[in-house]
PDB file of N, CA and C in Angstrom:
ATOM      1  N   MET A   1     -10.215 -12.895   5.573  1.00  0.00           N
ATOM      2  CA  MET A   1     -10.099 -11.658   4.853  1.00  0.00           C
ATOM      3  C   MET A   1     -10.973 -10.853   6.628  1.00  0.00           C
ATOM      4  N   ILE A   2     -10.217  -9.315   7.382  1.00  0.00           N
ATOM      5  CA  ILE A   2     -11.074  -8.894   8.057  1.00  0.00           C
ATOM      6  C   ILE A   2     -12.329  -7.639   7.301  1.00  0.00           C
ATOM      7  N   VAL A   3     -13.036  -6.761   7.082  1.00  0.00           N
ATOM      8  CA  VAL A   3     -13.677  -5.800   7.124  1.00  0.00           C
ATOM      9  C   VAL A   3     -13.980  -5.200   7.925  1.00  0.00           C
ATOM     10  N   VAL A   4     -13.234  -4.216   7.678  1.00  0.00           N
ATOM     11  CA  VAL A   4     -13.610  -3.104   8.874  1.00  0.00           C
ATOM     12  C   VAL A   4     -14.404  -1.244   7.901  1.00  0.00           C
ATOM     13  N   ALA A   5     -16.133  -1.595   8.393  1.00  0.00           N
ATOM     14  CA  ALA A   5     -16.302  -0.190   8.431  1.00  0.00           C
ATOM     15  C   ALA A   5     -16.953   0.816   9.305  1.00  0.00           C
ATOM     16  N   GLY A   6     -17.209   1.882   9.197  1.00  0.00           N
ATOM     17  CA  GLY A   6     -17.236   3.166   9.712  1.00  0.00           C
ATOM     18  C   GLY A   6     -18.513   4.022   8.670  1.00  0.00           C
ATOM     19  N   GLU A   7     -18.269   5.085  10.408  1.00  0.00           N
ATOM     20  CA  GLU A   7     -18.843   7.011  10.034  1.00  0.00           C
ATOM     21  C   GLU A   7     -18.112   7.758  10.586  1.00  0.00           C
ATOM     22  N   ILE A   8     -17.409   8.396  10.981  1.00  0.00           N
ATOM     23  CA  ILE A   8     -17.619   9.343  11.604  1.00  0.00           C
ATOM     24  C   ILE A   8     -17.998  10.873  11.134  1.00  0.00           C
ATOM     25  N   LYS A   9     -18.690  11.337  11.895  1.00  0.00           N
ATOM     26  CA  LYS A   9     -19.538  12.241  11.726  1.00  0.00           C
ATOM     27  C   LYS A   9     -18.750  13.707  11.981  1.00  0.00           C
ATOM     28  N   LEU A  10     -18.718  14.754  11.445  1.00  0.00           N
ATOM     29  CA  LEU A  10     -17.615  15.705  11.800  1.00  0.00           C
ATOM     30  C   LEU A  10     -18.821  17.407  11.703  1.00  0.00           C
ATOM     31  N   ALA A  11     -18.160  18.911  12.482  1.00  0.00           N
ATOM     32  CA  ALA A  11     -18.569  20.007  11.700  1.00  0.00           C
ATOM     33  C   ALA A  11     -18.613  19.806  10.329  1.00  0.00           C
ATOM     34  N   PRO A  12     -19.811  20.494   9.771  1.00  0.00           N
ATOM     35  CA  PRO A  12     -19.382  21.028   8.158  1.00  0.00           C
ATOM     36  C   PRO A  12     -18.178  21.756   7.912  1.00  0.00           C
ATOM     37  N   GLU A  13     -17.931  22.732   8.512  1.00  0.00           N
ATOM     38  CA  GLU A  13     -17.169  23.057   8.872  1.00  0.00           C
ATOM     39  C   GLU A  13     -15.243  22.294   8.897  1.00  0.00           C
ATOM     40  N   SER A  14     -15.054  21.305   8.845  1.00  0.00           N
ATOM     41  CA  SER A  14     -14.125  20.460   9.300  1.00  0.00           C
ATOM     42  C   SER A  14     -14.022  19.614   7.984  1.00  0.00           C
ATOM     43  N   ALA A  15     -14.818  19.808   7.343  1.00  0.00           N
ATOM     44  CA  ALA A  15     -15.193  18.504   6.111  1.00  0.00           C
ATOM     45  C   ALA A  15     -13.325  18.965   4.904  1.00  0.00           C
ATOM     46  N   ALA A  16     -13.339  20.323   4.831  1.00  0.00           N
ATOM     47  CA  ALA A  16     -12.550  19.972   4.085  1.00  0.00           C
ATOM     48  C   ALA A  16     -11.234  19.101   3.718  1.00  0.00           C
ATOM     49  N   ALA A  17     -10.858  19.792   5.866  1.00  0.00           N
ATOM     50  CA  ALA A  17      -9.872  19.639   6.216  1.00  0.00           C
ATOM     51  C   ALA A  17      -9.983  18.173   6.742  1.00  0.00           C
ATOM     52  N   ALA A  18     -10.328  17.497   6.892  1.00  0.00           N
ATOM     53  CA  ALA A  18     -11.228  16.137   6.606  1.00  0.00           C
ATOM     54  C   ALA A  18     -10.646  15.455   5.287  1.00  0.00           C
ATOM     55  N   ARG A  19     -10.891  15.846   4.649  1.00  0.00           N
ATOM     56  CA  ARG A  19     -10.770  15.002   2.440  1.00  0.00           C
ATOM     57  C   ARG A  19      -9.227  15.130   2.693  1.00  0.00           C
ATOM     58  N   ALA A  20      -8.748  16.868   3.011  1.00  0.00           N
ATOM     59  CA  ALA A  20      -7.195  17.335   2.666  1.00  0.00           C
ATOM     60  C   ALA A  20      -6.467  15.740   3.968  1.00  0.00           C
ATOM     61  N   ALA A  21      -6.992  15.314   4.449  1.00  0.00           N
ATOM     62  CA  ALA A  21      -6.157  14.483   5.959  1.00  0.00           C
ATOM     63  C   ALA A  21      -5.971  12.977   5.265  1.00  0.00           C
ATOM     64  N   ALA A  22      -7.132  13.250   4.767  1.00  0.00           N
ATOM     65  CA  ALA A  22      -8.000  11.458   4.378  1.00  0.00           C
ATOM     66  C   ALA A  22      -6.764  11.053   2.605  1.00  0.00           C
ATOM     67  N   ILE A  23      -6.772  12.288   2.284  1.00  0.00           N
ATOM     68  CA  ILE A  23      -6.219  11.788   1.058  1.00  0.00           C
ATOM     69  C   ILE A  23      -4.563  11.135   2.050  1.00  0.00           C
ATOM     70  N   THR A  24      -4.262  11.491   2.138  1.00  0.00           N
ATOM     71  CA  THR A  24      -2.705  11.251   3.052  1.00  0.00           C
ATOM     72  C   THR A  24      -3.149   9.773   3.551  1.00  0.00           C
ATOM     73  N   MET A  25      -3.762   9.524   4.583  1.00  0.00           N
ATOM     74  CA  MET A  25      -3.664   8.306   5.647  1.00  0.00           C
ATOM     75  C   MET A  25      -4.436   7.868   4.908  1.00  0.00           C
ATOM     76  N   GLY A  26      -5.205   8.064   3.752  1.00  0.00           N
ATOM     77  CA  GLY A  26      -5.670   6.853   2.651  1.00  0.00           C
ATOM     78  C   GLY A  26      -4.130   5.944   2.055  1.00  0.00           C
ATOM     79  N   ARG A  27      -3.578   6.944   1.474  1.00  0.00           N
ATOM     80  CA  ARG A  27      -2.409   6.332   0.081  1.00  0.00           C
ATOM     81  C   ARG A  27      -0.879   5.630   1.189  1.00  0.00           C
ATOM     82  N   ASP A  28      -0.690   5.975   2.341  1.00  0.00           N
ATOM     83  CA  ASP A  28       0.056   4.895   3.637  1.00  0.00           C
ATOM     84  C   ASP A  28      -1.256   4.197   4.227  1.00  0.00           C
ATOM     85  N   THR A  29      -1.990   3.942   4.274  1.00  0.00           N
ATOM     86  CA  THR A  29      -3.163   2.829   4.578  1.00  0.00           C
ATOM     87  C   THR A  29      -2.621   1.794   4.000  1.00  0.00           C
ATOM     88  N   ARG A  30      -3.321   1.864   2.524  1.00  0.00           N
ATOM     89  CA  ARG A  30      -2.926   1.415   0.950  1.00  0.00           C
ATOM     90  C   ARG A  30      -1.502   0.777   1.398  1.00  0.00           C
ATOM     91  N   ALA A  31       0.028   0.947   1.578  1.00  0.00           N
ATOM     92  CA  ALA A  31       0.838   0.613   0.786  1.00  0.00           C
ATOM     93  C   ALA A  31       1.084   0.817   2.827  1.00  0.00           C
ATOM     94  N   GLU A  32       0.504  -0.665   3.428  1.00  0.00           N
ATOM     95  CA  GLU A  32       1.082  -1.268   4.413  1.00  0.00           C
ATOM     96  C   GLU A  32       0.793  -2.216   4.063  1.00  0.00           C
ATOM     97  N   PRO A  33       1.646  -3.648   4.517  1.00  0.00           N
ATOM     98  CA  PRO A  33       1.472  -4.613   4.137  1.00  0.00           C
ATOM     99  C   PRO A  33       0.304  -5.600   5.033  1.00  0.00           C
ATOM    100  N   GLY A  34      -0.793  -5.911   3.890  1.00  0.00           N
ATOM    101  CA  GLY A  34      -1.719  -6.694   4.463  1.00  0.00           C
ATOM    102  C   GLY A  34      -3.292  -6.115   4.779  1.00  0.00           C
ATOM    103  N   CYS A  35      -2.915  -4.765   3.353  1.00  0.00           N
ATOM    104  CA  CYS A  35      -3.785  -3.744   3.190  1.00  0.00           C
ATOM    105  C   CYS A  35      -3.959  -4.246   2.584  1.00  0.00           C
ATOM    106  N   VAL A  36      -6.021  -4.621   1.493  1.00  0.00           N
ATOM    107  CA  VAL A  36      -6.337  -4.956   0.506  1.00  0.00           C
ATOM    108  C   VAL A  36      -6.746  -3.637  -0.192  1.00  0.00           C
ATOM    109  N   THR A  37      -7.487  -3.096   1.076  1.00  0.00           N
ATOM    110  CA  THR A  37      -8.104  -2.013   0.141  1.00  0.00           C
ATOM    111  C   THR A  37      -8.559  -0.645   1.728  1.00  0.00           C
ATOM    112  N   TYR A  38      -8.672   0.778   1.288  1.00  0.00           N
ATOM    113  CA  TYR A  38      -8.872   1.532   2.351  1.00  0.00           C
ATOM    114  C   TYR A  38      -9.565   2.322   1.150  1.00  0.00           C
ATOM    115  N   ARG A  39     -11.264   3.485   1.345  1.00  0.00           N
ATOM    116  CA  ARG A  39     -11.504   3.430   1.010  1.00  0.00           C
ATOM    117  C   ARG A  39     -12.396   5.059   1.762  1.00  0.00           C
ATOM    118  N   PHE A  40     -11.980   6.395   1.909  1.00  0.00           N
ATOM    119  CA  PHE A  40     -12.898   7.156   2.571  1.00  0.00           C
ATOM    120  C   PHE A  40     -13.966   8.636   2.321  1.00  0.00           C
ATOM    121  N   TYR A  41     -15.405   8.368   2.254  1.00  0.00           N
ATOM    122  CA  TYR A  41     -16.232   9.159   1.510  1.00  0.00           C
ATOM    123  C   TYR A  41     -16.702   9.574   2.115  1.00  0.00           C
ATOM    124  N   GLU A  42     -16.986  11.190   1.036  1.00  0.00           N
ATOM    125  CA  GLU A  42     -17.604  11.509   1.619  1.00  0.00           C
ATOM    126  C   GLU A  42     -19.438  11.197   1.766  1.00  0.00           C
ATOM    127  N   ASP A  43     -20.113  11.399   2.406  1.00  0.00           N
ATOM    128  CA  ASP A  43     -22.157  11.650   2.356  1.00  0.00           C
ATOM    129  C   ASP A  43     -22.441  12.044   0.854  1.00  0.00           C
ATOM    130  N   LEU A  44     -23.421  12.580  -0.105  1.00  0.00           N
ATOM    131  CA  LEU A  44     -23.739  12.715  -1.227  1.00  0.00           C
ATOM    132  C   LEU A  44     -23.901  14.250  -0.062  1.00  0.00           C
ATOM    133  N   GLU A  45     -25.248  13.241   1.055  1.00  0.00           N
ATOM    134  CA  GLU A  45     -26.313  13.763   1.292  1.00  0.00           C
ATOM    135  C   GLU A  45     -25.726  14.568   2.308  1.00  0.00           C
ATOM    136  N   GLU A  46     -25.285  14.407   2.821  1.00  0.00           N
ATOM    137  CA  GLU A  46     -24.656  15.250   4.223  1.00  0.00           C
ATOM    138  C   GLU A  46     -23.602  16.049   4.462  1.00  0.00           C
ATOM    139  N   ARG A  47     -22.975  16.946   4.387  1.00  0.00           N
ATOM    140  CA  ARG A  47     -21.486  17.834   4.011  1.00  0.00           C
ATOM    141  C   ARG A  47     -21.415  17.597   5.833  1.00  0.00           C
ATOM    142  N   GLY A  48     -19.371  16.911   5.633  1.00  0.00           N
ATOM    143  CA  GLY A  48     -19.327  15.619   6.570  1.00  0.00           C
ATOM    144  C   GLY A  48     -19.452  14.952   7.663  1.00  0.00           C
ATOM    145  N   HIS A  49     -20.366  14.097   7.226  1.00  0.00           N
ATOM    146  CA  HIS A  49     -20.241  12.551   7.396  1.00  0.00           C
ATOM    147  C   HIS A  49     -19.640  12.017   6.287  1.00  0.00           C
ATOM    148  N   PHE A  50     -18.724  11.103   7.210  1.00  0.00           N
ATOM    149  CA  PHE A  50     -17.765  10.680   6.208  1.00  0.00           C
ATOM    150  C   PHE A  50     -17.900   8.534   6.417  1.00  0.00           C
ATOM    151  N   HIS A  51     -17.454   8.151   5.592  1.00  0.00           N
ATOM    152  CA  HIS A  51     -17.475   6.509   5.388  1.00  0.00           C
ATOM    153  C   HIS A  51     -16.326   5.811   5.087  1.00  0.00           C
ATOM    154  N   VAL A  52     -15.550   4.862   6.180  1.00  0.00           N
ATOM    155  CA  VAL A  52     -14.639   4.388   5.646  1.00  0.00           C
ATOM    156  C   VAL A  52     -14.935   2.992   5.346  1.00  0.00           C
ATOM    157  N   PHE A  53     -14.438   2.499   5.234  1.00  0.00           N
ATOM    158  CA  PHE A  53     -14.534   1.131   4.310  1.00  0.00           C
ATOM    159  C   PHE A  53     -13.112  -0.331   4.626  1.00  0.00           C
ATOM    160  N   GLU A  54     -12.789  -0.732   4.562  1.00  0.00           N
ATOM    161  CA  GLU A  54     -11.331  -1.080   5.068  1.00  0.00           C
ATOM    162  C   GLU A  54     -11.503  -3.322   4.188  1.00  0.00           C
ATOM    163  N   ILE A  55     -11.078  -3.547   3.813  1.00  0.00           N
ATOM    164  CA  ILE A  55     -10.577  -5.140   3.693  1.00  0.00           C
ATOM    165  C   ILE A  55      -8.902  -5.271   3.988  1.00  0.00           C
ATOM    166  N   TRP A  56      -8.407  -5.924   5.101  1.00  0.00           N
ATOM    167  CA  TRP A  56      -7.451  -6.625   5.559  1.00  0.00           C
ATOM    168  C   TRP A  56      -7.447  -8.291   5.377  1.00  0.00           C
ATOM    169  N   GLU A  57      -5.861  -8.826   5.278  1.00  0.00           N
ATOM    170  CA  GLU A  57      -6.012 -10.181   4.468  1.00  0.00           C
ATOM    171  C   GLU A  57      -5.902 -10.738   5.756  1.00  0.00           C
ATOM    172  N   THR A  58      -5.333 -10.487   6.988  1.00  0.00           N
ATOM    173  CA  THR A  58      -5.696 -11.152   8.544  1.00  0.00           C
ATOM    174  C   THR A  58      -6.066  -9.817   9.195  1.00  0.00           C
ATOM    175  N   ALA A  59      -6.247 -11.304  10.234  1.00  0.00           N
ATOM    176  CA  ALA A  59      -6.561  -9.891  11.464  1.00  0.00           C
ATOM    177  C   ALA A  59      -5.400  -9.139  12.507  1.00  0.00           C
ATOM    178  N   GLU A  60      -3.882 -10.142  11.956  1.00  0.00           N
ATOM    179  CA  GLU A  60      -2.848  -9.648  12.372  1.00  0.00           C
ATOM    180  C   GLU A  60      -1.934  -7.838  11.900  1.00  0.00           C
ATOM    181  N   ALA A  61      -2.560  -8.482  10.665  1.00  0.00           N
ATOM    182  CA  ALA A  61      -2.368  -7.654   9.458  1.00  0.00           C
ATOM    183  C   ALA A  61      -3.069  -5.755  10.321  1.00  0.00           C
ATOM    184  N   LEU A  62      -3.957  -6.085  10.509  1.00  0.00           N
ATOM    185  CA  LEU A  62      -5.440  -5.022  11.575  1.00  0.00           C
ATOM    186  C   LEU A  62      -4.507  -4.885  12.272  1.00  0.00           C
ATOM    187  N   LYS A  63      -4.348  -5.490  13.506  1.00  0.00           N
ATOM    188  CA  LYS A  63      -3.180  -5.687  14.494  1.00  0.00           C
ATOM    189  C   LYS A  63      -2.268  -4.711  13.942  1.00  0.00           C
ATOM    190  N   ALA A  64      -1.346  -4.353  13.608  1.00  0.00           N
ATOM    191  CA  ALA A  64      -0.120  -4.479  12.883  1.00  0.00           C
ATOM    192  C   ALA A  64      -0.198  -2.714  13.053  1.00  0.00           C
ATOM    193  N   LEU A  65      -1.158  -1.798  12.181  1.00  0.00           N
ATOM    194  CA  LEU A  65      -1.975  -0.972  12.175  1.00  0.00           C
ATOM    195  C   LEU A  65      -2.301  -0.144  12.824  1.00  0.00           C
ATOM    196  N   THR A  66      -2.918  -0.215  13.755  1.00  0.00           N
ATOM    197  CA  THR A  66      -3.544  -0.349  15.193  1.00  0.00           C
ATOM    198  C   THR A  66      -2.963  -0.246  16.052  1.00  0.00           C
ATOM    199  N   CYS A  67      -2.125  -1.110  16.386  1.00  0.00           N
ATOM    200  CA  CYS A  67      -1.235  -1.094  17.381  1.00  0.00           C
ATOM    201  C   CYS A  67      -0.056  -1.548  17.463  1.00  0.00           C
ATOM    202  N   PRO A  68       0.646  -0.967  17.279  1.00  0.00           N
ATOM    203  CA  PRO A  68       2.437  -1.210  16.527  1.00  0.00           C
ATOM    204  C   PRO A  68       2.481  -1.839  17.446  1.00  0.00           C
ATOM    205  N   ASP A  69       3.133  -1.175  19.331  1.00  0.00           N
ATOM    206  CA  ASP A  69       4.044  -1.679  19.994  1.00  0.00           C
ATOM    207  C   ASP A  69       3.482  -2.951  20.566  1.00  0.00           C
ATOM    208  N   SER A  70       1.677  -3.624  20.570  1.00  0.00           N
ATOM    209  CA  SER A  70       1.768  -4.483  20.773  1.00  0.00           C
ATOM    210  C   SER A  70       2.283  -5.944  21.097  1.00  0.00           C
ATOM    211  N   SER A  71       3.455  -6.464  19.618  1.00  0.00           N
ATOM    212  CA  SER A  71       4.309  -7.410  19.809  1.00  0.00           C
ATOM    213  C   SER A  71       5.448  -7.471  20.711  1.00  0.00           C
ATOM    214  N   ASP A  72       5.707  -6.041  21.118  1.00  0.00           N
ATOM    215  CA  ASP A  72       6.278  -5.529  22.043  1.00  0.00           C
ATOM    216  C   ASP A  72       6.317  -6.522  23.847  1.00  0.00           C
ATOM    217  N   GLN A  73       4.581  -6.275  24.289  1.00  0.00           N
ATOM    218  CA  GLN A  73       4.209  -6.750  25.126  1.00  0.00           C
ATOM    219  C   GLN A  73       4.133  -8.640  24.794  1.00  0.00           C
ATOM    220  N   ALA A  74       4.005  -8.764  26.496  1.00  0.00           N
ATOM    221  CA  ALA A  74       4.275 -10.117  26.861  1.00  0.00           C
ATOM    222  C   ALA A  74       2.851  -9.924  26.541  1.00  0.00           C
TER     223      ALA A  74
END
């Protein structure tokens, strides 16, 4: 399994738009082959500070999402 964890810091006034985009992105990402979980959380103490947590079955599944054209390259 591959675990991806990260954080995103945005201006507080961008937080609402980020939350809305995260709902769609999370739903789409969780539907990808090989995605075990995808979560996007806003920090409770700092508005605009988000945490991303993903688990993938294989590195290949993650790469297929992040580099979709890589299979076309020699």
